[in-house]
Amino acid sequence: GRPSESEILISRLIDRPIRPLFPGGFRNDVQVIALVLSSDAENDPDVLAVTGASAALGISQIPFEGPIGAVRIGRLNGQLVVNPTYAQREASDLDLVVVGNRNKVIMIEGEAKGLEEAVVYEALKFGHQQLQVPINAQETLIKAHGTKKMAYENLAVSPKLIESIKTAYLDRVKENCKIGQKEARIEAVQMLYKDVIERFCVEKEGEDAVSEQDVKSASDEIESE
């Protein structure tokens, strides 16, 4: 059957921090499945699932720029608490999930009961310090049991193609982004794709070949920028 709302939200919690850590040109399908095999009914397994996903990717053949760690930070009687239990979270005025690597925070999610920004900022810094613990554990695991990363076809869009499209069509991309009505904006983007494809998709082989997907990916990057 379909996953519950809670399972969908936890899946997103896992997906958001790991997705940007695959190489840009890596297009292979990757499926991560997190299963709760046991529970003490006192601690939420969701942050463990994020760390578990990172550990699984770390020891696998899949290219992944990890490891990452995840912790939940609560606040009880003015004191920050790492991975509070369900009962502690009921009394907490902060529920903050922090995910990051050695050097930076990658994702945050949470809520607070009217706390000052300075308090939340301290919680973020505290969370980043605490997630170094699961990162250390993963590095030990990967060193002992990791496998060689697989070779893969790098399908990253050519920077040369991006610059060529940008030179020719940047003004139109900017104008499209200003269109407030969604349907009209989509229609304008599709017309732009059509013009760019007609100009750049020349039937060539080897490194000079440009596919419609190449054009669309390059145009998407320019639009995002």
C-alpha atoms as a PDB file:
ATOM      1  CA  GLY A   1       0.000   0.000   0.000  1.00  0.00           C
ATOM      2  CA  ARG A   2       0.921   3.656  -0.176  1.00  0.00           C
ATOM      3  CA  PRO A   3       3.155   5.094   2.539  1.00  0.00           C
ATOM      4  CA  SER A   4       1.597   7.024   5.395  1.00  0.00           C
ATOM      5  CA  GLU A   5       1.920  10.794   5.682  1.00  0.00           C
ATOM      6  CA  SER A   6       4.609  10.325   8.340  1.00  0.00           C
ATOM      7  CA  GLU A   7       6.586   7.978   6.088  1.00  0.00           C
ATOM      8  CA  ILE A   8       6.353  10.427   3.183  1.00  0.00           C
ATOM      9  CA  LEU A   9       7.677  13.264   5.357  1.00  0.00           C
ATOM     10  CA  ILE A  10      10.546  11.104   6.634  1.00  0.00           C
ATOM     11  CA  SER A  11      11.361  10.083   3.048  1.00  0.00           C
ATOM     12  CA  ARG A  12      11.653  13.771   2.184  1.00  0.00           C
ATOM     13  CA  LEU A  13      13.815  14.310   5.248  1.00  0.00           C
ATOM     14  CA  ILE A  14      16.195  11.675   3.850  1.00  0.00           C
ATOM     15  CA  ASP A  15      15.984  12.771   0.228  1.00  0.00           C
ATOM     16  CA  ARG A  16      16.634  16.488   0.577  1.00  0.00           C
ATOM     17  CA  PRO A  17      20.143  16.316   2.109  1.00  0.00           C
ATOM     18  CA  ILE A  18      21.435  13.356   0.062  1.00  0.00           C
ATOM     19  CA  ARG A  19      20.147  14.408  -3.377  1.00  0.00           C
ATOM     20  CA  PRO A  20      22.607  17.303  -3.932  1.00  0.00           C
ATOM     21  CA  LEU A  21      25.550  15.129  -2.835  1.00  0.00           C
ATOM     22  CA  PHE A  22      25.520  12.886  -5.903  1.00  0.00           C
ATOM     23  CA  PRO A  23      27.894  14.069  -8.656  1.00  0.00           C
ATOM     24  CA  GLY A  24      26.317  16.497 -11.103  1.00  0.00           C
ATOM     25  CA  GLY A  25      26.748  14.210 -14.113  1.00  0.00           C
ATOM     26  CA  PHE A  26      25.523  11.058 -12.328  1.00  0.00           C
ATOM     27  CA  ARG A  27      22.164  10.000 -13.811  1.00  0.00           C
ATOM     28  CA  ASN A  28      21.782   6.411 -12.579  1.00  0.00           C
ATOM     29  CA  ASP A  29      18.625   5.630 -10.629  1.00  0.00           C
ATOM     30  CA  VAL A  30      19.273   5.300  -6.901  1.00  0.00           C
ATOM     31  CA  GLN A  31      16.770   3.903  -4.411  1.00  0.00           C
ATOM     32  CA  VAL A  32      17.333   4.116  -0.660  1.00  0.00           C
ATOM     33  CA  ILE A  33      15.004   2.072   1.551  1.00  0.00           C
ATOM     34  CA  ALA A  34      14.967   2.676   5.297  1.00  0.00           C
ATOM     35  CA  LEU A  35      13.382   0.002   7.486  1.00  0.00           C
ATOM     36  CA  VAL A  36      12.778   0.246  11.228  1.00  0.00           C
ATOM     37  CA  LEU A  37      13.715  -3.202  12.560  1.00  0.00           C
ATOM     38  CA  SER A  38      13.215  -2.388  16.239  1.00  0.00           C
ATOM     39  CA  SER A  39      12.078   0.528  18.361  1.00  0.00           C
ATOM     40  CA  ASP A  40      12.053   1.448  22.041  1.00  0.00           C
ATOM     41  CA  ALA A  41       8.957   3.626  21.455  1.00  0.00           C
ATOM     42  CA  GLU A  42      10.770   6.503  23.162  1.00  0.00           C
ATOM     43  CA  ASN A  43      13.081   7.794  20.406  1.00  0.00           C
ATOM     44  CA  ASP A  44      12.102   8.862  16.901  1.00  0.00           C
ATOM     45  CA  PRO A  45      14.026   6.859  14.269  1.00  0.00           C
ATOM     46  CA  ASP A  46      13.751   9.552  11.576  1.00  0.00           C
ATOM     47  CA  VAL A  47      17.134  11.242  12.162  1.00  0.00           C
ATOM     48  CA  LEU A  48      18.754   7.801  12.432  1.00  0.00           C
ATOM     49  CA  ALA A  49      17.279   6.988   9.015  1.00  0.00           C
ATOM     50  CA  VAL A  50      19.087   9.987   7.495  1.00  0.00           C
ATOM     51  CA  THR A  51      22.377   8.884   9.011  1.00  0.00           C
ATOM     52  CA  GLY A  52      21.683   5.287   7.973  1.00  0.00           C
ATOM     53  CA  ALA A  53      21.082   6.348   4.376  1.00  0.00           C
ATOM     54  CA  SER A  54      24.394   8.199   4.377  1.00  0.00           C
ATOM     55  CA  ALA A  55      26.199   5.188   5.840  1.00  0.00           C
ATOM     56  CA  ALA A  56      24.674   2.822   3.269  1.00  0.00           C
ATOM     57  CA  LEU A  57      25.691   5.094   0.404  1.00  0.00           C
ATOM     58  CA  GLY A  58      29.129   5.567   1.932  1.00  0.00           C
ATOM     59  CA  ILE A  59      30.023   1.855   1.955  1.00  0.00           C
ATOM     60  CA  SER A  60      28.342   1.173  -1.404  1.00  0.00           C
ATOM     61  CA  GLN A  61      29.753   1.502  -4.924  1.00  0.00           C
ATOM     62  CA  ILE A  62      27.518   4.515  -5.532  1.00  0.00           C
ATOM     63  CA  PRO A  63      29.377   7.842  -5.910  1.00  0.00           C
ATOM     64  CA  PHE A  64      28.324  10.034  -2.991  1.00  0.00           C
ATOM     65  CA  GLU A  65      29.938  13.116  -1.478  1.00  0.00           C
ATOM     66  CA  GLY A  66      29.301  12.150   2.139  1.00  0.00           C
ATOM     67  CA  PRO A  67      29.171  11.226   4.873  1.00  0.00           C
ATOM     68  CA  ILE A  68      26.546  13.413   6.484  1.00  0.00           C
ATOM     69  CA  GLY A  69      25.080  13.323   9.963  1.00  0.00           C
ATOM     70  CA  ALA A  70      21.658  14.237  11.334  1.00  0.00           C
ATOM     71  CA  VAL A  71      20.510  15.234  14.818  1.00  0.00           C
ATOM     72  CA  ARG A  72      17.382  16.657  16.366  1.00  0.00           C
ATOM     73  CA  ILE A  73      17.829  19.542  18.789  1.00  0.00           C
ATOM     74  CA  GLY A  74      15.258  20.308  21.468  1.00  0.00           C
ATOM     75  CA  ARG A  75      15.198  22.899  24.259  1.00  0.00           C
ATOM     76  CA  LEU A  76      14.108  22.119  27.799  1.00  0.00           C
ATOM     77  CA  ASN A  77      14.182  24.743  30.554  1.00  0.00           C
ATOM     78  CA  GLY A  78      16.459  26.890  28.419  1.00  0.00           C
ATOM     79  CA  GLN A  79      18.961  24.064  27.795  1.00  0.00           C
ATOM     80  CA  LEU A  80      19.598  22.541  24.378  1.00  0.00           C
ATOM     81  CA  VAL A  81      19.067  18.777  24.205  1.00  0.00           C
ATOM     82  CA  VAL A  82      20.382  16.362  21.551  1.00  0.00           C
ATOM     83  CA  ASN A  83      17.862  13.893  20.101  1.00  0.00           C
ATOM     84  CA  PRO A  84      15.126  14.437  22.714  1.00  0.00           C
ATOM     85  CA  THR A  85      12.666  11.607  23.316  1.00  0.00           C
ATOM     86  CA  TYR A  86       9.005  11.825  22.333  1.00  0.00           C
ATOM     87  CA  ALA A  87       8.136  12.863  25.889  1.00  0.00           C
ATOM     88  CA  GLN A  88      10.853  15.547  25.980  1.00  0.00           C
ATOM     89  CA  ARG A  89       9.688  16.934  22.644  1.00  0.00           C
ATOM     90  CA  GLU A  90       6.216  17.493  24.120  1.00  0.00           C
ATOM     91  CA  ALA A  91       7.741  19.851  26.689  1.00  0.00           C
ATOM     92  CA  SER A  92      10.295  21.417  24.335  1.00  0.00           C
ATOM     93  CA  ASP A  93       9.899  24.903  22.856  1.00  0.00           C
ATOM     94  CA  LEU A  94      12.156  23.935  19.927  1.00  0.00           C
ATOM     95  CA  ASP A  95      12.084  21.008  17.507  1.00  0.00           C
ATOM     96  CA  LEU A  96      14.947  21.408  15.036  1.00  0.00           C
ATOM     97  CA  VAL A  97      16.481  18.787  12.734  1.00  0.00           C
ATOM     98  CA  VAL A  98      19.983  19.697  11.544  1.00  0.00           C
ATOM     99  CA  VAL A  99      21.738  17.764   8.766  1.00  0.00           C
ATOM    100  CA  GLY A 100      25.261  18.532   7.595  1.00  0.00           C
ATOM    101  CA  ASN A 101      28.749  17.388   6.761  1.00  0.00           C
ATOM    102  CA  ARG A 102      32.096  18.254   8.345  1.00  0.00           C
ATOM    103  CA  ASN A 103      32.099  21.849   7.217  1.00  0.00           C
ATOM    104  CA  LYS A 104      28.545  23.079   6.837  1.00  0.00           C
ATOM    105  CA  VAL A 105      24.852  22.627   7.474  1.00  0.00           C
ATOM    106  CA  ILE A 106      23.107  21.142   4.444  1.00  0.00           C
ATOM    107  CA  MET A 107      19.480  21.137   5.568  1.00  0.00           C
ATOM    108  CA  ILE A 108      17.365  22.281   8.478  1.00  0.00           C
ATOM    109  CA  GLU A 109      13.747  21.593   9.327  1.00  0.00           C
ATOM    110  CA  GLY A 110      11.805  22.428  12.408  1.00  0.00           C
ATOM    111  CA  GLU A 111       9.582  24.697  14.417  1.00  0.00           C
ATOM    112  CA  ALA A 112       9.851  26.845  17.524  1.00  0.00           C
ATOM    113  CA  LYS A 113       7.501  28.552  19.926  1.00  0.00           C
ATOM    114  CA  GLY A 114       8.345  32.198  19.410  1.00  0.00           C
ATOM    115  CA  LEU A 115      12.048  31.916  20.145  1.00  0.00           C
ATOM    116  CA  GLU A 116      14.487  34.700  19.335  1.00  0.00           C
ATOM    117  CA  GLU A 117      16.684  34.271  16.273  1.00  0.00           C
ATOM    118  CA  ALA A 118      19.814  34.192  18.439  1.00  0.00           C
ATOM    119  CA  VAL A 119      18.512  31.123  20.278  1.00  0.00           C
ATOM    120  CA  VAL A 120      17.779  29.283  17.034  1.00  0.00           C
ATOM    121  CA  TYR A 121      21.199  30.265  15.704  1.00  0.00           C
ATOM    122  CA  GLU A 122      22.880  28.781  18.780  1.00  0.00           C
ATOM    123  CA  ALA A 123      20.819  25.618  18.294  1.00  0.00           C
ATOM    124  CA  LEU A 124      22.049  25.380  14.702  1.00  0.00           C
ATOM    125  CA  LYS A 125      25.674  25.731  15.758  1.00  0.00           C
ATOM    126  CA  PHE A 126      25.154  23.207  18.551  1.00  0.00           C
ATOM    127  CA  GLY A 127      23.488  20.792  16.155  1.00  0.00           C
ATOM    128  CA  HIS A 128      26.354  21.009  13.677  1.00  0.00           C
ATOM    129  CA  GLN A 129      28.809  20.225  16.463  1.00  0.00           C
ATOM    130  CA  GLN A 130      26.776  17.218  17.593  1.00  0.00           C
ATOM    131  CA  LEU A 131      26.321  15.697  14.123  1.00  0.00           C
ATOM    132  CA  GLN A 132      30.090  15.253  13.920  1.00  0.00           C
ATOM    133  CA  VAL A 133      29.598  12.182  16.163  1.00  0.00           C
ATOM    134  CA  PRO A 134      27.645  10.131  13.566  1.00  0.00           C
ATOM    135  CA  ILE A 135      30.018  11.394  10.873  1.00  0.00           C
ATOM    136  CA  ASN A 136      32.992  10.038  12.844  1.00  0.00           C
ATOM    137  CA  ALA A 137      31.256   6.689  13.220  1.00  0.00           C
ATOM    138  CA  GLN A 138      30.535   6.509   9.493  1.00  0.00           C
ATOM    139  CA  GLU A 139      34.100   7.331   8.537  1.00  0.00           C
ATOM    140  CA  THR A 140      35.278   4.415  10.692  1.00  0.00           C
ATOM    141  CA  LEU A 141      32.672   2.151   9.055  1.00  0.00           C
ATOM    142  CA  ILE A 142      33.583   3.252   5.522  1.00  0.00           C
ATOM    143  CA  LYS A 143      37.286   2.782   6.179  1.00  0.00           C
ATOM    144  CA  ALA A 144      36.666  -0.788   7.382  1.00  0.00           C
ATOM    145  CA  HIS A 145      33.936  -1.909   4.987  1.00  0.00           C
ATOM    146  CA  GLY A 146      33.675   0.568   2.118  1.00  0.00           C
ATOM    147  CA  THR A 147      33.937  -0.608  -1.486  1.00  0.00           C
ATOM    148  CA  LYS A 148      35.489   1.043  -4.521  1.00  0.00           C
ATOM    149  CA  LYS A 149      33.172   3.563  -6.145  1.00  0.00           C
ATOM    150  CA  MET A 150      31.735   2.595  -9.520  1.00  0.00           C
ATOM    151  CA  ALA A 151      32.724   4.199 -12.783  1.00  0.00           C
ATOM    152  CA  TYR A 152      29.866   5.971 -14.533  1.00  0.00           C
ATOM    153  CA  GLU A 153      29.175   7.959 -17.668  1.00  0.00           C
ATOM    154  CA  ASN A 154      29.341  11.638 -16.774  1.00  0.00           C
ATOM    155  CA  LEU A 155      26.214  13.176 -18.292  1.00  0.00           C
ATOM    156  CA  ALA A 156      26.833  16.696 -17.048  1.00  0.00           C
ATOM    157  CA  VAL A 157      25.866  19.403 -19.500  1.00  0.00           C
ATOM    158  CA  SER A 158      28.749  20.952 -21.401  1.00  0.00           C
ATOM    159  CA  PRO A 159      29.744  24.373 -19.970  1.00  0.00           C
ATOM    160  CA  LYS A 160      30.437  25.428 -23.562  1.00  0.00           C
ATOM    161  CA  LEU A 161      26.826  24.686 -24.536  1.00  0.00           C
ATOM    162  CA  ILE A 162      25.518  26.569 -21.501  1.00  0.00           C
ATOM    163  CA  GLU A 163      27.591  29.639 -22.388  1.00  0.00           C
ATOM    164  CA  SER A 164      26.515  29.476 -26.048  1.00  0.00           C
ATOM    165  CA  ILE A 165      22.825  29.352 -25.132  1.00  0.00           C
ATOM    166  CA  LYS A 166      23.294  32.059 -22.511  1.00  0.00           C
ATOM    167  CA  THR A 167      24.975  34.349 -25.031  1.00  0.00           C
ATOM    168  CA  ALA A 168      22.167  33.900 -27.540  1.00  0.00           C
ATOM    169  CA  TYR A 169      19.078  33.703 -25.327  1.00  0.00           C
ATOM    170  CA  LEU A 170      19.761  35.148 -21.867  1.00  0.00           C
ATOM    171  CA  ASP A 171      17.478  38.148 -22.439  1.00  0.00           C
ATOM    172  CA  ARG A 172      14.564  35.888 -23.381  1.00  0.00           C
ATOM    173  CA  VAL A 173      15.186  33.664 -20.359  1.00  0.00           C
ATOM    174  CA  LYS A 174      15.066  36.737 -18.107  1.00  0.00           C
ATOM    175  CA  GLU A 175      11.829  37.922 -19.715  1.00  0.00           C
ATOM    176  CA  ASN A 176      10.259  34.491 -19.283  1.00  0.00           C
ATOM    177  CA  CYS A 177      11.101  34.524 -15.586  1.00  0.00           C
ATOM    178  CA  LYS A 178       9.171  37.792 -15.196  1.00  0.00           C
ATOM    179  CA  ILE A 179       5.911  36.346 -16.534  1.00  0.00           C
ATOM    180  CA  GLY A 180       3.637  36.106 -13.511  1.00  0.00           C
ATOM    181  CA  GLN A 181       0.936  33.862 -14.985  1.00  0.00           C
ATOM    182  CA  LYS A 182       2.053  30.218 -14.735  1.00  0.00           C
ATOM    183  CA  GLU A 183       0.467  28.869 -17.938  1.00  0.00           C
ATOM    184  CA  ALA A 184       1.809  31.766 -19.988  1.00  0.00           C
ATOM    185  CA  ARG A 185       5.273  31.318 -18.462  1.00  0.00           C
ATOM    186  CA  ILE A 186       5.299  27.587 -19.278  1.00  0.00           C
ATOM    187  CA  GLU A 187       4.216  28.317 -22.855  1.00  0.00           C
ATOM    188  CA  ALA A 188       6.980  30.906 -23.253  1.00  0.00           C
ATOM    189  CA  VAL A 189       9.591  28.481 -21.870  1.00  0.00           C
ATOM    190  CA  GLN A 190       8.437  25.752 -24.280  1.00  0.00           C
ATOM    191  CA  MET A 191       8.682  28.162 -27.210  1.00  0.00           C
ATOM    192  CA  LEU A 192      12.206  29.041 -26.081  1.00  0.00           C
ATOM    193  CA  TYR A 193      13.142  25.343 -25.895  1.00  0.00           C
ATOM    194  CA  LYS A 194      11.862  24.883 -29.431  1.00  0.00           C
ATOM    195  CA  ASP A 195      13.941  27.774 -30.801  1.00  0.00           C
ATOM    196  CA  VAL A 196      17.084  26.715 -28.916  1.00  0.00           C
ATOM    197  CA  ILE A 197      16.715  23.097 -30.056  1.00  0.00           C
ATOM    198  CA  GLU A 198      16.342  24.176 -33.702  1.00  0.00           C
ATOM    199  CA  ARG A 199      19.498  26.243 -33.405  1.00  0.00           C
ATOM    200  CA  PHE A 200      21.779  23.955 -31.392  1.00  0.00           C
ATOM    201  CA  CYS A 201      20.645  20.367 -32.034  1.00  0.00           C
ATOM    202  CA  VAL A 202      22.777  19.642 -35.067  1.00  0.00           C
ATOM    203  CA  GLU A 203      23.147  16.022 -36.122  1.00  0.00           C
ATOM    204  CA  LYS A 204      26.722  15.282 -35.148  1.00  0.00           C
ATOM    205  CA  GLU A 205      28.474  12.370 -33.528  1.00  0.00           C
ATOM    206  CA  GLY A 206      30.907  12.134 -30.633  1.00  0.00           C
ATOM    207  CA  GLU A 207      31.670  15.063 -28.390  1.00  0.00           C
ATOM    208  CA  ASP A 208      30.017  17.569 -30.742  1.00  0.00           C
ATOM    209  CA  ALA A 209      26.601  15.871 -30.570  1.00  0.00           C
ATOM    210  CA  VAL A 210      23.909  17.885 -28.783  1.00  0.00           C
ATOM    211  CA  SER A 211      20.638  16.224 -27.817  1.00  0.00           C
ATOM    212  CA  GLU A 212      17.318  17.834 -26.980  1.00  0.00           C
ATOM    213  CA  GLN A 213      17.850  16.775 -23.371  1.00  0.00           C
ATOM    214  CA  ASP A 214      21.225  18.553 -23.363  1.00  0.00           C
ATOM    215  CA  VAL A 215      19.531  21.722 -24.544  1.00  0.00           C
ATOM    216  CA  LYS A 216      16.743  21.431 -21.990  1.00  0.00           C
ATOM    217  CA  SER A 217      19.177  20.755 -19.128  1.00  0.00           C
ATOM    218  CA  ALA A 218      21.395  23.675 -20.136  1.00  0.00           C
ATOM    219  CA  SER A 219      18.387  25.973 -20.459  1.00  0.00           C
ATOM    220  CA  ASP A 220      17.112  24.856 -17.051  1.00  0.00           C
ATOM    221  CA  GLU A 221      20.463  25.712 -15.466  1.00  0.00           C
ATOM    222  CA  ILE A 222      20.422  29.156 -17.051  1.00  0.00           C
ATOM    223  CA  GLU A 223      16.825  29.724 -15.932  1.00  0.00           C
ATOM    224  CA  SER A 224      17.670  28.626 -12.394  1.00  0.00           C
ATOM    225  CA  GLU A 225      20.649  30.962 -12.293  1.00  0.00           C
END
